[in-house]
Amino acid sequence: MATATKKAPKKEAGAVAEPKLRIRVRAYEHKILDLSVKQIMDTANRFDAKIVGPVPLPTEIKRWTVNRSSFIDKDSREQFEMRIHKRLIDIMSPNPKVIEALTNLNLPSGVTIDVKMV
């Protein structure tokens, strides 16, 4: 019996990956995060940039358990959690106008942006 196997195409040694701008957006509230991502995408679309995303990343959840009373009643406790929502946007081969427009973007407070050139 002969089995056919597929071989993965090899990448050429001389091929250079196109530069891309990787934007990682984080916020505590998902509604504000989605509005900020939409604003970033609209800005990039205005300058005809190719966009990949937004890709939702896993929500980071931090939890704490605290005694309600400071001295007695160990069985009475409160539990708190903080959720950090994240999105990832890639802009393929950005031109200087796109980068300038994104740096001048005015986003709401509580939204953290990390921009990396990959």
PDB file of N, CA and C in Angstrom:
ATOM      1  N   MET A   1       0.840  -1.181   0.000  1.00  0.00           N
ATOM      2  CA  MET A   1       0.000   0.000   0.000  1.00  0.00           C
ATOM      3  C   MET A   1       0.875   1.229   0.000  1.00  0.00           C
ATOM      4  N   ALA A   2       0.625   2.077  -0.908  1.00  0.00           N
ATOM      5  CA  ALA A   2       1.373   3.331  -0.992  1.00  0.00           C
ATOM      6  C   ALA A   2       0.523   4.439  -0.386  1.00  0.00           C
ATOM      7  N   THR A   3       1.129   5.200   0.501  1.00  0.00           N
ATOM      8  CA  THR A   3       0.405   6.325   1.102  1.00  0.00           C
ATOM      9  C   THR A   3       1.023   7.617   0.623  1.00  0.00           C
ATOM     10  N   ALA A   4       0.177   8.526   0.295  1.00  0.00           N
ATOM     11  CA  ALA A   4       0.639   9.834  -0.177  1.00  0.00           C
ATOM     12  C   ALA A   4       0.728  10.772   1.025  1.00  0.00           C
ATOM     13  N   THR A   5       1.861  11.392   1.167  1.00  0.00           N
ATOM     14  CA  THR A   5       2.023  12.353   2.255  1.00  0.00           C
ATOM     15  C   THR A   5       2.256  13.731   1.658  1.00  0.00           C
ATOM     16  N   LYS A   6       1.683  14.692   2.315  1.00  0.00           N
ATOM     17  CA  LYS A   6       1.865  16.068   1.859  1.00  0.00           C
ATOM     18  C   LYS A   6       3.084  16.652   2.520  1.00  0.00           C
ATOM     19  N   LYS A   7       3.873  17.317   1.744  1.00  0.00           N
ATOM     20  CA  LYS A   7       5.040  17.993   2.295  1.00  0.00           C
ATOM     21  C   LYS A   7       4.721  19.476   2.421  1.00  0.00           C
ATOM     22  N   ALA A   8       5.115  20.033   3.522  1.00  0.00           N
ATOM     23  CA  ALA A   8       4.893  21.463   3.741  1.00  0.00           C
ATOM     24  C   ALA A   8       5.837  22.252   2.850  1.00  0.00           C
ATOM     25  N   PRO A   9       5.338  23.318   2.220  1.00  0.00           N
ATOM     26  CA  PRO A   9       6.220  24.121   1.374  1.00  0.00           C
ATOM     27  C   PRO A   9       7.292  24.787   2.227  1.00  0.00           C
ATOM     28  N   LYS A  10       8.519  24.738   1.708  1.00  0.00           N
ATOM     29  CA  LYS A  10       9.636  25.333   2.446  1.00  0.00           C
ATOM     30  C   LYS A  10       9.692  26.827   2.186  1.00  0.00           C
ATOM     31  N   LYS A  11      10.072  27.555   3.213  1.00  0.00           N
ATOM     32  CA  LYS A  11      10.231  29.000   3.060  1.00  0.00           C
ATOM     33  C   LYS A  11      11.596  29.269   2.444  1.00  0.00           C
ATOM     34  N   GLU A  12      11.620  30.202   1.546  1.00  0.00           N
ATOM     35  CA  GLU A  12      12.878  30.552   0.916  1.00  0.00           C
ATOM     36  C   GLU A  12      13.773  31.281   1.904  1.00  0.00           C
ATOM     37  N   ALA A  13      15.061  31.038   1.798  1.00  0.00           N
ATOM     38  CA  ALA A  13      16.012  31.653   2.725  1.00  0.00           C
ATOM     39  C   ALA A  13      16.101  33.156   2.487  1.00  0.00           C
ATOM     40  N   GLY A  14      15.897  33.595   1.269  1.00  0.00           N
ATOM     41  CA  GLY A  14      16.023  35.010   0.939  1.00  0.00           C
ATOM     42  C   GLY A  14      14.742  35.803   1.167  1.00  0.00           C
ATOM     43  N   ALA A  15      13.648  35.128   1.483  1.00  0.00           N
ATOM     44  CA  ALA A  15      12.374  35.820   1.661  1.00  0.00           C
ATOM     45  C   ALA A  15      12.376  36.608   2.972  1.00  0.00           C
ATOM     46  N   VAL A  16      11.948  37.855   2.870  1.00  0.00           N
ATOM     47  CA  VAL A  16      11.892  38.717   4.052  1.00  0.00           C
ATOM     48  C   VAL A  16      10.428  38.910   4.415  1.00  0.00           C
ATOM     49  N   ALA A  17      10.103  38.706   5.665  1.00  0.00           N
ATOM     50  CA  ALA A  17       8.732  38.889   6.116  1.00  0.00           C
ATOM     51  C   ALA A  17       8.385  40.374   6.078  1.00  0.00           C
ATOM     52  N   GLU A  18       7.159  40.669   5.646  1.00  0.00           N
ATOM     53  CA  GLU A  18       6.757  42.069   5.577  1.00  0.00           C
ATOM     54  C   GLU A  18       6.566  42.612   6.993  1.00  0.00           C
ATOM     55  N   PRO A  19       6.928  43.865   7.215  1.00  0.00           N
ATOM     56  CA  PRO A  19       6.782  44.417   8.571  1.00  0.00           C
ATOM     57  C   PRO A  19       5.314  44.601   8.921  1.00  0.00           C
ATOM     58  N   LYS A  20       5.015  44.417  10.189  1.00  0.00           N
ATOM     59  CA  LYS A  20       3.639  44.632  10.624  1.00  0.00           C
ATOM     60  C   LYS A  20       3.648  45.312  11.988  1.00  0.00           C
ATOM     61  N   LEU A  21       2.601  46.052  12.203  1.00  0.00           N
ATOM     62  CA  LEU A  21       2.419  46.775  13.452  1.00  0.00           C
ATOM     63  C   LEU A  21       1.461  45.949  14.299  1.00  0.00           C
ATOM     64  N   ARG A  22       1.927  45.475  15.451  1.00  0.00           N
ATOM     65  CA  ARG A  22       1.088  44.661  16.334  1.00  0.00           C
ATOM     66  C   ARG A  22       0.595  45.530  17.476  1.00  0.00           C
ATOM     67  N   ILE A  23      -0.721  45.689  17.550  1.00  0.00           N
ATOM     68  CA  ILE A  23      -1.335  46.535  18.574  1.00  0.00           C
ATOM     69  C   ILE A  23      -2.085  45.626  19.537  1.00  0.00           C
ATOM     70  N   ARG A  24      -1.738  45.734  20.810  1.00  0.00           N
ATOM     71  CA  ARG A  24      -2.401  44.949  21.851  1.00  0.00           C
ATOM     72  C   ARG A  24      -3.147  45.915  22.758  1.00  0.00           C
ATOM     73  N   VAL A  25      -4.458  45.739  22.839  1.00  0.00           N
ATOM     74  CA  VAL A  25      -5.312  46.660  23.588  1.00  0.00           C
ATOM     75  C   VAL A  25      -5.882  45.923  24.794  1.00  0.00           C
ATOM     76  N   ARG A  26      -5.811  46.578  25.969  1.00  0.00           N
ATOM     77  CA  ARG A  26      -6.308  45.974  27.209  1.00  0.00           C
ATOM     78  C   ARG A  26      -7.206  46.960  27.938  1.00  0.00           C
ATOM     79  N   ALA A  27      -8.277  46.431  28.579  1.00  0.00           N
ATOM     80  CA  ALA A  27      -9.175  47.280  29.359  1.00  0.00           C
ATOM     81  C   ALA A  27      -9.955  46.411  30.339  1.00  0.00           C
ATOM     82  N   TYR A  28     -10.496  47.068  31.359  1.00  0.00           N
ATOM     83  CA  TYR A  28     -11.298  46.359  32.350  1.00  0.00           C
ATOM     84  C   TYR A  28     -12.736  46.162  31.875  1.00  0.00           C
ATOM     85  N   GLU A  29     -13.237  47.072  31.047  1.00  0.00           N
ATOM     86  CA  GLU A  29     -14.608  46.966  30.548  1.00  0.00           C
ATOM     87  C   GLU A  29     -14.583  46.616  29.059  1.00  0.00           C
ATOM     88  N   HIS A  30     -15.325  45.579  28.685  1.00  0.00           N
ATOM     89  CA  HIS A  30     -15.272  45.119  27.299  1.00  0.00           C
ATOM     90  C   HIS A  30     -15.956  46.075  26.337  1.00  0.00           C
ATOM     91  N   LYS A  31     -16.942  46.839  26.787  1.00  0.00           N
ATOM     92  CA  LYS A  31     -17.627  47.769  25.885  1.00  0.00           C
ATOM     93  C   LYS A  31     -16.696  48.905  25.466  1.00  0.00           C
ATOM     94  N   ILE A  32     -15.970  49.448  26.424  1.00  0.00           N
ATOM     95  CA  ILE A  32     -15.007  50.512  26.118  1.00  0.00           C
ATOM     96  C   ILE A  32     -13.892  49.960  25.238  1.00  0.00           C
ATOM     97  N   LEU A  33     -13.483  48.725  25.500  1.00  0.00           N
ATOM     98  CA  LEU A  33     -12.442  48.085  24.703  1.00  0.00           C
ATOM     99  C   LEU A  33     -12.886  47.931  23.252  1.00  0.00           C
ATOM    100  N   ASP A  34     -14.118  47.472  23.042  1.00  0.00           N
ATOM    101  CA  ASP A  34     -14.619  47.279  21.681  1.00  0.00           C
ATOM    102  C   ASP A  34     -14.753  48.604  20.935  1.00  0.00           C
ATOM    103  N   LEU A  35     -15.167  49.667  21.639  1.00  0.00           N
ATOM    104  CA  LEU A  35     -15.239  50.988  21.003  1.00  0.00           C
ATOM    105  C   LEU A  35     -13.847  51.489  20.616  1.00  0.00           C
ATOM    106  N   SER A  36     -12.863  51.255  21.461  1.00  0.00           N
ATOM    107  CA  SER A  36     -11.496  51.684  21.167  1.00  0.00           C
ATOM    108  C   SER A  36     -10.930  50.915  19.977  1.00  0.00           C
ATOM    109  N   VAL A  37     -11.192  49.608  19.932  1.00  0.00           N
ATOM    110  CA  VAL A  37     -10.720  48.786  18.811  1.00  0.00           C
ATOM    111  C   VAL A  37     -11.373  49.251  17.516  1.00  0.00           C
ATOM    112  N   LYS A  38     -12.656  49.584  17.572  1.00  0.00           N
ATOM    113  CA  LYS A  38     -13.355  50.077  16.382  1.00  0.00           C
ATOM    114  C   LYS A  38     -12.750  51.396  15.910  1.00  0.00           C
ATOM    115  N   GLN A  39     -12.399  52.249  16.845  1.00  0.00           N
ATOM    116  CA  GLN A  39     -11.785  53.533  16.510  1.00  0.00           C
ATOM    117  C   GLN A  39     -10.408  53.322  15.859  1.00  0.00           C
ATOM    118  N   ILE A  40      -9.632  52.379  16.364  1.00  0.00           N
ATOM    119  CA  ILE A  40      -8.323  52.068  15.780  1.00  0.00           C
ATOM    120  C   ILE A  40      -8.492  51.515  14.372  1.00  0.00           C
ATOM    121  N   MET A  41      -9.456  50.619  14.192  1.00  0.00           N
ATOM    122  CA  MET A  41      -9.668  50.024  12.874  1.00  0.00           C
ATOM    123  C   MET A  41     -10.177  51.044  11.868  1.00  0.00           C
ATOM    124  N   ASP A  42     -11.066  51.951  12.292  1.00  0.00           N
ATOM    125  CA  ASP A  42     -11.549  52.997  11.394  1.00  0.00           C
ATOM    126  C   ASP A  42     -10.416  53.909  10.955  1.00  0.00           C
ATOM    127  N   THR A  43      -9.518  54.225  11.879  1.00  0.00           N
ATOM    128  CA  THR A  43      -8.368  55.073  11.550  1.00  0.00           C
ATOM    129  C   THR A  43      -7.462  54.377  10.541  1.00  0.00           C
ATOM    130  N   ALA A  44      -7.204  53.092  10.738  1.00  0.00           N
ATOM    131  CA  ALA A  44      -6.348  52.347   9.812  1.00  0.00           C
ATOM    132  C   ALA A  44      -7.028  52.186   8.453  1.00  0.00           C
ATOM    133  N   ASN A  45      -8.338  51.972   8.434  1.00  0.00           N
ATOM    134  CA  ASN A  45      -9.066  51.828   7.164  1.00  0.00           C
ATOM    135  C   ASN A  45      -9.087  53.132   6.375  1.00  0.00           C
ATOM    136  N   ARG A  46      -9.071  54.248   7.077  1.00  0.00           N
ATOM    137  CA  ARG A  46      -9.076  55.551   6.408  1.00  0.00           C
ATOM    138  C   ARG A  46      -7.826  55.723   5.531  1.00  0.00           C
ATOM    139  N   PHE A  47      -6.716  55.094   5.930  1.00  0.00           N
ATOM    140  CA  PHE A  47      -5.477  55.195   5.162  1.00  0.00           C
ATOM    141  C   PHE A  47      -5.210  53.931   4.347  1.00  0.00           C
ATOM    142  N   ASP A  48      -6.242  53.137   4.100  1.00  0.00           N
ATOM    143  CA  ASP A  48      -6.178  51.926   3.270  1.00  0.00           C
ATOM    144  C   ASP A  48      -5.104  50.944   3.727  1.00  0.00           C
ATOM    145  N   ALA A  49      -5.028  50.715   5.020  1.00  0.00           N
ATOM    146  CA  ALA A  49      -4.082  49.733   5.553  1.00  0.00           C
ATOM    147  C   ALA A  49      -4.771  48.380   5.643  1.00  0.00           C
ATOM    148  N   LYS A  50      -4.014  47.320   5.434  1.00  0.00           N
ATOM    149  CA  LYS A  50      -4.550  45.967   5.542  1.00  0.00           C
ATOM    150  C   LYS A  50      -4.521  45.568   7.019  1.00  0.00           C
ATOM    151  N   ILE A  51      -5.692  45.161   7.534  1.00  0.00           N
ATOM    152  CA  ILE A  51      -5.835  44.868   8.961  1.00  0.00           C
ATOM    153  C   ILE A  51      -6.163  43.397   9.157  1.00  0.00           C
ATOM    154  N   VAL A  52      -5.534  42.789  10.157  1.00  0.00           N
ATOM    155  CA  VAL A  52      -5.868  41.437  10.580  1.00  0.00           C
ATOM    156  C   VAL A  52      -6.365  41.531  12.016  1.00  0.00           C
ATOM    157  N   GLY A  53      -7.604  41.165  12.233  1.00  0.00           N
ATOM    158  CA  GLY A  53      -8.134  41.218  13.593  1.00  0.00           C
ATOM    159  C   GLY A  53      -9.404  42.030  13.634  1.00  0.00           C
ATOM    160  N   PRO A  54      -9.884  42.353  14.783  1.00  0.00           N
ATOM    161  CA  PRO A  54      -9.311  42.136  16.105  1.00  0.00           C
ATOM    162  C   PRO A  54      -9.470  40.685  16.568  1.00  0.00           C
ATOM    163  N   VAL A  55      -8.423  40.171  17.175  1.00  0.00           N
ATOM    164  CA  VAL A  55      -8.413  38.817  17.695  1.00  0.00           C
ATOM    165  C   VAL A  55      -8.630  38.899  19.204  1.00  0.00           C
ATOM    166  N   PRO A  56      -9.697  38.303  19.718  1.00  0.00           N
ATOM    167  CA  PRO A  56      -9.899  38.335  21.168  1.00  0.00           C
ATOM    168  C   PRO A  56      -8.933  37.375  21.855  1.00  0.00           C
ATOM    169  N   LEU A  57      -8.186  37.894  22.803  1.00  0.00           N
ATOM    170  CA  LEU A  57      -7.268  37.076  23.579  1.00  0.00           C
ATOM    171  C   LEU A  57      -7.973  36.629  24.863  1.00  0.00           C
ATOM    172  N   PRO A  58      -7.464  35.620  25.541  1.00  0.00           N
ATOM    173  CA  PRO A  58      -8.125  35.147  26.762  1.00  0.00           C
ATOM    174  C   PRO A  58      -8.224  36.240  27.821  1.00  0.00           C
ATOM    175  N   THR A  59      -9.350  36.274  28.508  1.00  0.00           N
ATOM    176  CA  THR A  59      -9.575  37.252  29.568  1.00  0.00           C
ATOM    177  C   THR A  59      -8.782  36.838  30.791  1.00  0.00           C
ATOM    178  N   GLU A  60      -8.002  37.781  31.305  1.00  0.00           N
ATOM    179  CA  GLU A  60      -7.207  37.525  32.503  1.00  0.00           C
ATOM    180  C   GLU A  60      -8.074  37.828  33.716  1.00  0.00           C
ATOM    181  N   ILE A  61      -8.217  36.858  34.627  1.00  0.00           N
ATOM    182  CA  ILE A  61      -9.064  37.029  35.800  1.00  0.00           C
ATOM    183  C   ILE A  61      -8.201  36.940  37.053  1.00  0.00           C
ATOM    184  N   LYS A  62      -8.261  37.982  37.868  1.00  0.00           N
ATOM    185  CA  LYS A  62      -7.543  37.987  39.144  1.00  0.00           C
ATOM    186  C   LYS A  62      -8.591  37.939  40.248  1.00  0.00           C
ATOM    187  N   ARG A  63      -8.420  36.990  41.192  1.00  0.00           N
ATOM    188  CA  ARG A  63      -9.401  36.805  42.260  1.00  0.00           C
ATOM    189  C   ARG A  63      -8.751  36.964  43.628  1.00  0.00           C
ATOM    190  N   TRP A  64      -9.521  37.556  44.574  1.00  0.00           N
ATOM    191  CA  TRP A  64      -9.080  37.713  45.956  1.00  0.00           C
ATOM    192  C   TRP A  64     -10.201  37.288  46.887  1.00  0.00           C
ATOM    193  N   THR A  65      -9.828  36.667  47.992  1.00  0.00           N
ATOM    194  CA  THR A  65     -10.768  36.344  49.056  1.00  0.00           C
ATOM    195  C   THR A  65     -10.318  37.078  50.303  1.00  0.00           C
ATOM    196  N   VAL A  66     -11.249  37.795  50.940  1.00  0.00           N
ATOM    197  CA  VAL A  66     -10.931  38.655  52.074  1.00  0.00           C
ATOM    198  C   VAL A  66     -11.912  38.351  53.209  1.00  0.00           C
ATOM    199  N   ASN A  67     -11.399  38.340  54.433  1.00  0.00           N
ATOM    200  CA  ASN A  67     -12.294  38.193  55.588  1.00  0.00           C
ATOM    201  C   ASN A  67     -13.170  39.433  55.704  1.00  0.00           C
ATOM    202  N   ARG A  68     -14.458  39.250  56.005  1.00  0.00           N
ATOM    203  CA  ARG A  68     -15.354  40.395  56.171  1.00  0.00           C
ATOM    204  C   ARG A  68     -15.065  41.113  57.484  1.00  0.00           C
ATOM    205  N   SER A  69     -14.747  40.357  58.490  1.00  0.00           N
ATOM    206  CA  SER A  69     -14.481  40.929  59.796  1.00  0.00           C
ATOM    207  C   SER A  69     -12.981  40.897  60.051  1.00  0.00           C
ATOM    208  N   SER A  70     -12.505  41.852  60.797  1.00  0.00           N
ATOM    209  CA  SER A  70     -11.067  41.902  61.029  1.00  0.00           C
ATOM    210  C   SER A  70     -10.627  40.975  62.157  1.00  0.00           C
ATOM    211  N   PHE A  71     -11.554  40.568  63.044  1.00  0.00           N
ATOM    212  CA  PHE A  71     -11.117  39.843  64.232  1.00  0.00           C
ATOM    213  C   PHE A  71     -11.767  38.469  64.382  1.00  0.00           C
ATOM    214  N   ILE A  72     -13.037  38.381  64.111  1.00  0.00           N
ATOM    215  CA  ILE A  72     -13.764  37.150  64.397  1.00  0.00           C
ATOM    216  C   ILE A  72     -14.524  36.728  63.138  1.00  0.00           C
ATOM    217  N   ASP A  73     -15.154  35.605  63.154  1.00  0.00           N
ATOM    218  CA  ASP A  73     -15.950  35.078  62.037  1.00  0.00           C
ATOM    219  C   ASP A  73     -15.088  34.767  60.811  1.00  0.00           C
ATOM    220  N   LYS A  74     -14.253  33.772  60.970  1.00  0.00           N
ATOM    221  CA  LYS A  74     -13.392  33.327  59.867  1.00  0.00           C
ATOM    222  C   LYS A  74     -14.226  32.778  58.705  1.00  0.00           C
ATOM    223  N   ASP A  75     -15.428  32.271  59.015  1.00  0.00           N
ATOM    224  CA  ASP A  75     -16.257  31.664  57.979  1.00  0.00           C
ATOM    225  C   ASP A  75     -16.950  32.698  57.091  1.00  0.00           C
ATOM    226  N   SER A  76     -16.954  33.939  57.492  1.00  0.00           N
ATOM    227  CA  SER A  76     -17.607  34.987  56.718  1.00  0.00           C
ATOM    228  C   SER A  76     -16.555  35.696  55.861  1.00  0.00           C
ATOM    229  N   ARG A  77     -16.639  35.489  54.560  1.00  0.00           N
ATOM    230  CA  ARG A  77     -15.627  36.057  53.658  1.00  0.00           C
ATOM    231  C   ARG A  77     -16.282  36.702  52.445  1.00  0.00           C
ATOM    232  N   GLU A  78     -15.546  37.616  51.834  1.00  0.00           N
ATOM    233  CA  GLU A  78     -15.981  38.238  50.582  1.00  0.00           C
ATOM    234  C   GLU A  78     -15.006  37.840  49.487  1.00  0.00           C
ATOM    235  N   GLN A  79     -15.536  37.691  48.290  1.00  0.00           N
ATOM    236  CA  GLN A  79     -14.680  37.344  47.160  1.00  0.00           C
ATOM    237  C   GLN A  79     -14.808  38.420  46.092  1.00  0.00           C
ATOM    238  N   PHE A  80     -13.656  38.851  45.596  1.00  0.00           N
ATOM    239  CA  PHE A  80     -13.601  39.884  44.561  1.00  0.00           C
ATOM    240  C   PHE A  80     -12.838  39.340  43.365  1.00  0.00           C
ATOM    241  N   GLU A  81     -13.171  39.871  42.199  1.00  0.00           N
ATOM    242  CA  GLU A  81     -12.408  39.515  41.003  1.00  0.00           C
ATOM    243  C   GLU A  81     -12.285  40.718  40.086  1.00  0.00           C
ATOM    244  N   MET A  82     -11.209  40.712  39.330  1.00  0.00           N
ATOM    245  CA  MET A  82     -10.955  41.780  38.376  1.00  0.00           C
ATOM    246  C   MET A  82     -10.681  41.113  37.029  1.00  0.00           C
ATOM    247  N   ARG A  83     -11.435  41.510  36.018  1.00  0.00           N
ATOM    248  CA  ARG A  83     -11.284  40.923  34.678  1.00  0.00           C
ATOM    249  C   ARG A  83     -10.592  41.907  33.764  1.00  0.00           C
ATOM    250  N   ILE A  84      -9.578  41.431  33.044  1.00  0.00           N
ATOM    251  CA  ILE A  84      -8.861  42.261  32.084  1.00  0.00           C
ATOM    252  C   ILE A  84      -9.095  41.652  30.700  1.00  0.00           C
ATOM    253  N   HIS A  85      -9.826  42.389  29.867  1.00  0.00           N
ATOM    254  CA  HIS A  85     -10.148  41.944  28.513  1.00  0.00           C
ATOM    255  C   HIS A  85      -9.064  42.427  27.564  1.00  0.00           C
ATOM    256  N   LYS A  86      -8.720  41.595  26.562  1.00  0.00           N
ATOM    257  CA  LYS A  86      -7.622  41.927  25.648  1.00  0.00           C
ATOM    258  C   LYS A  86      -8.013  41.651  24.202  1.00  0.00           C
ATOM    259  N   ARG A  87      -7.489  42.467  23.306  1.00  0.00           N
ATOM    260  CA  ARG A  87      -7.673  42.275  21.867  1.00  0.00           C
ATOM    261  C   ARG A  87      -6.326  42.491  21.176  1.00  0.00           C
ATOM    262  N   LEU A  88      -6.147  41.854  20.028  1.00  0.00           N
ATOM    263  CA  LEU A  88      -4.917  41.968  19.248  1.00  0.00           C
ATOM    264  C   LEU A  88      -5.277  42.374  17.828  1.00  0.00           C
ATOM    265  N   ILE A  89      -4.580  43.407  17.316  1.00  0.00           N
ATOM    266  CA  ILE A  89      -4.806  43.880  15.953  1.00  0.00           C
ATOM    267  C   ILE A  89      -3.457  43.936  15.251  1.00  0.00           C
ATOM    268  N   ASP A  90      -3.369  43.391  14.054  1.00  0.00           N
ATOM    269  CA  ASP A  90      -2.165  43.477  13.233  1.00  0.00           C
ATOM    270  C   ASP A  90      -2.449  44.353  12.030  1.00  0.00           C
ATOM    271  N   ILE A  91      -1.558  45.299  11.768  1.00  0.00           N
ATOM    272  CA  ILE A  91      -1.645  46.137  10.574  1.00  0.00           C
ATOM    273  C   ILE A  91      -0.454  45.777   9.700  1.00  0.00           C
ATOM    274  N   MET A  92      -0.737  45.216   8.537  1.00  0.00           N
ATOM    275  CA  MET A  92       0.315  44.734   7.649  1.00  0.00           C
ATOM    276  C   MET A  92       0.937  45.884   6.863  1.00  0.00           C
ATOM    277  N   SER A  93       2.245  45.898   6.803  1.00  0.00           N
ATOM    278  CA  SER A  93       3.071  46.896   6.109  1.00  0.00           C
ATOM    279  C   SER A  93       2.496  48.315   6.235  1.00  0.00           C
ATOM    280  N   PRO A  94       2.536  48.868   7.437  1.00  0.00           N
ATOM    281  CA  PRO A  94       1.955  50.202   7.648  1.00  0.00           C
ATOM    282  C   PRO A  94       2.828  51.292   7.023  1.00  0.00           C
ATOM    283  N   ASN A  95       2.169  52.310   6.482  1.00  0.00           N
ATOM    284  CA  ASN A  95       2.913  53.450   5.971  1.00  0.00           C
ATOM    285  C   ASN A  95       3.018  54.506   7.086  1.00  0.00           C
ATOM    286  N   PRO A  96       3.891  55.491   6.939  1.00  0.00           N
ATOM    287  CA  PRO A  96       4.094  56.489   8.001  1.00  0.00           C
ATOM    288  C   PRO A  96       2.830  57.266   8.377  1.00  0.00           C
ATOM    289  N   LYS A  97       1.924  57.471   7.416  1.00  0.00           N
ATOM    290  CA  LYS A  97       0.690  58.203   7.717  1.00  0.00           C
ATOM    291  C   LYS A  97      -0.180  57.438   8.706  1.00  0.00           C
ATOM    292  N   VAL A  98      -0.241  56.115   8.556  1.00  0.00           N
ATOM    293  CA  VAL A  98      -1.036  55.286   9.477  1.00  0.00           C
ATOM    294  C   VAL A  98      -0.443  55.347  10.876  1.00  0.00           C
ATOM    295  N   ILE A  99       0.871  55.243  10.968  1.00  0.00           N
ATOM    296  CA  ILE A  99       1.539  55.266  12.274  1.00  0.00           C
ATOM    297  C   ILE A  99       1.310  56.611  12.958  1.00  0.00           C
ATOM    298  N   GLU A 100       1.412  57.694  12.190  1.00  0.00           N
ATOM    299  CA  GLU A 100       1.198  59.030  12.757  1.00  0.00           C
ATOM    300  C   GLU A 100      -0.249  59.202  13.227  1.00  0.00           C
ATOM    301  N   ALA A 101      -1.197  58.707  12.444  1.00  0.00           N
ATOM    302  CA  ALA A 101      -2.609  58.830  12.820  1.00  0.00           C
ATOM    303  C   ALA A 101      -2.915  58.022  14.074  1.00  0.00           C
ATOM    304  N   LEU A 102      -2.288  56.857  14.213  1.00  0.00           N
ATOM    305  CA  LEU A 102      -2.534  56.030  15.394  1.00  0.00           C
ATOM    306  C   LEU A 102      -1.900  56.630  16.649  1.00  0.00           C
ATOM    307  N   THR A 103      -0.772  57.313  16.509  1.00  0.00           N
ATOM    308  CA  THR A 103      -0.150  57.932  17.684  1.00  0.00           C
ATOM    309  C   THR A 103      -0.948  59.146  18.145  1.00  0.00           C
ATOM    310  N   ASN A 104      -1.650  59.816  17.234  1.00  0.00           N
ATOM    311  CA  ASN A 104      -2.441  60.992  17.598  1.00  0.00           C
ATOM    312  C   ASN A 104      -3.870  60.630  18.010  1.00  0.00           C
ATOM    313  N   LEU A 105      -4.169  59.350  18.095  1.00  0.00           N
ATOM    314  CA  LEU A 105      -5.514  58.889  18.425  1.00  0.00           C
ATOM    315  C   LEU A 105      -5.827  59.166  19.889  1.00  0.00           C
ATOM    316  N   ASN A 106      -7.021  59.683  20.142  1.00  0.00           N
ATOM    317  CA  ASN A 106      -7.451  59.998  21.499  1.00  0.00           C
ATOM    318  C   ASN A 106      -8.424  58.914  21.961  1.00  0.00           C
ATOM    319  N   LEU A 107      -7.952  58.029  22.864  1.00  0.00           N
ATOM    320  CA  LEU A 107      -8.768  56.917  23.348  1.00  0.00           C
ATOM    321  C   LEU A 107      -9.225  57.175  24.778  1.00  0.00           C
ATOM    322  N   PRO A 108     -10.325  56.556  25.203  1.00  0.00           N
ATOM    323  CA  PRO A 108     -10.834  56.784  26.562  1.00  0.00           C
ATOM    324  C   PRO A 108      -9.867  56.283  27.635  1.00  0.00           C
ATOM    325  N   SER A 109     -10.015  56.834  28.842  1.00  0.00           N
ATOM    326  CA  SER A 109      -9.156  56.413  29.939  1.00  0.00           C
ATOM    327  C   SER A 109      -9.540  54.986  30.338  1.00  0.00           C
ATOM    328  N   GLY A 110      -8.583  54.264  30.844  1.00  0.00           N
ATOM    329  CA  GLY A 110      -8.820  52.870  31.223  1.00  0.00           C
ATOM    330  C   GLY A 110      -8.450  51.905  30.128  1.00  0.00           C
ATOM    331  N   VAL A 111      -8.023  52.400  28.968  1.00  0.00           N
ATOM    332  CA  VAL A 111      -7.613  51.535  27.853  1.00  0.00           C
ATOM    333  C   VAL A 111      -6.105  51.642  27.717  1.00  0.00           C
ATOM    334  N   THR A 112      -5.426  50.508  27.777  1.00  0.00           N
ATOM    335  CA  THR A 112      -3.973  50.450  27.645  1.00  0.00           C
ATOM    336  C   THR A 112      -3.614  49.896  26.273  1.00  0.00           C
ATOM    337  N   ILE A 113      -2.654  50.537  25.610  1.00  0.00           N
ATOM    338  CA  ILE A 113      -2.269  50.118  24.281  1.00  0.00           C
ATOM    339  C   ILE A 113      -0.774  49.822  24.262  1.00  0.00           C
ATOM    340  N   ASP A 114      -0.402  48.663  23.715  1.00  0.00           N
ATOM    341  CA  ASP A 114       0.996  48.320  23.482  1.00  0.00           C
ATOM    342  C   ASP A 114       1.178  48.195  21.977  1.00  0.00           C
ATOM    343  N   VAL A 115       2.091  48.968  21.409  1.00  0.00           N
ATOM    344  CA  VAL A 115       2.336  48.933  19.965  1.00  0.00           C
ATOM    345  C   VAL A 115       3.750  48.413  19.743  1.00  0.00           C
ATOM    346  N   LYS A 116       3.862  47.407  18.866  1.00  0.00           N
ATOM    347  CA  LYS A 116       5.139  46.794  18.575  1.00  0.00           C
ATOM    348  C   LYS A 116       5.285  46.651  17.070  1.00  0.00           C
ATOM    349  N   MET A 117       6.504  46.841  16.578  1.00  0.00           N
ATOM    350  CA  MET A 117       6.783  46.596  15.164  1.00  0.00           C
ATOM    351  C   MET A 117       7.399  45.208  15.083  1.00  0.00           C
ATOM    352  N   VAL A 118       6.719  44.283  14.394  1.00  0.00           N
ATOM    353  CA  VAL A 118       7.188  42.900  14.310  1.00  0.00           C
ATOM    354  C   VAL A 118       7.667  42.603  12.918  1.00  0.00           C
TER     355      VAL A 118
END
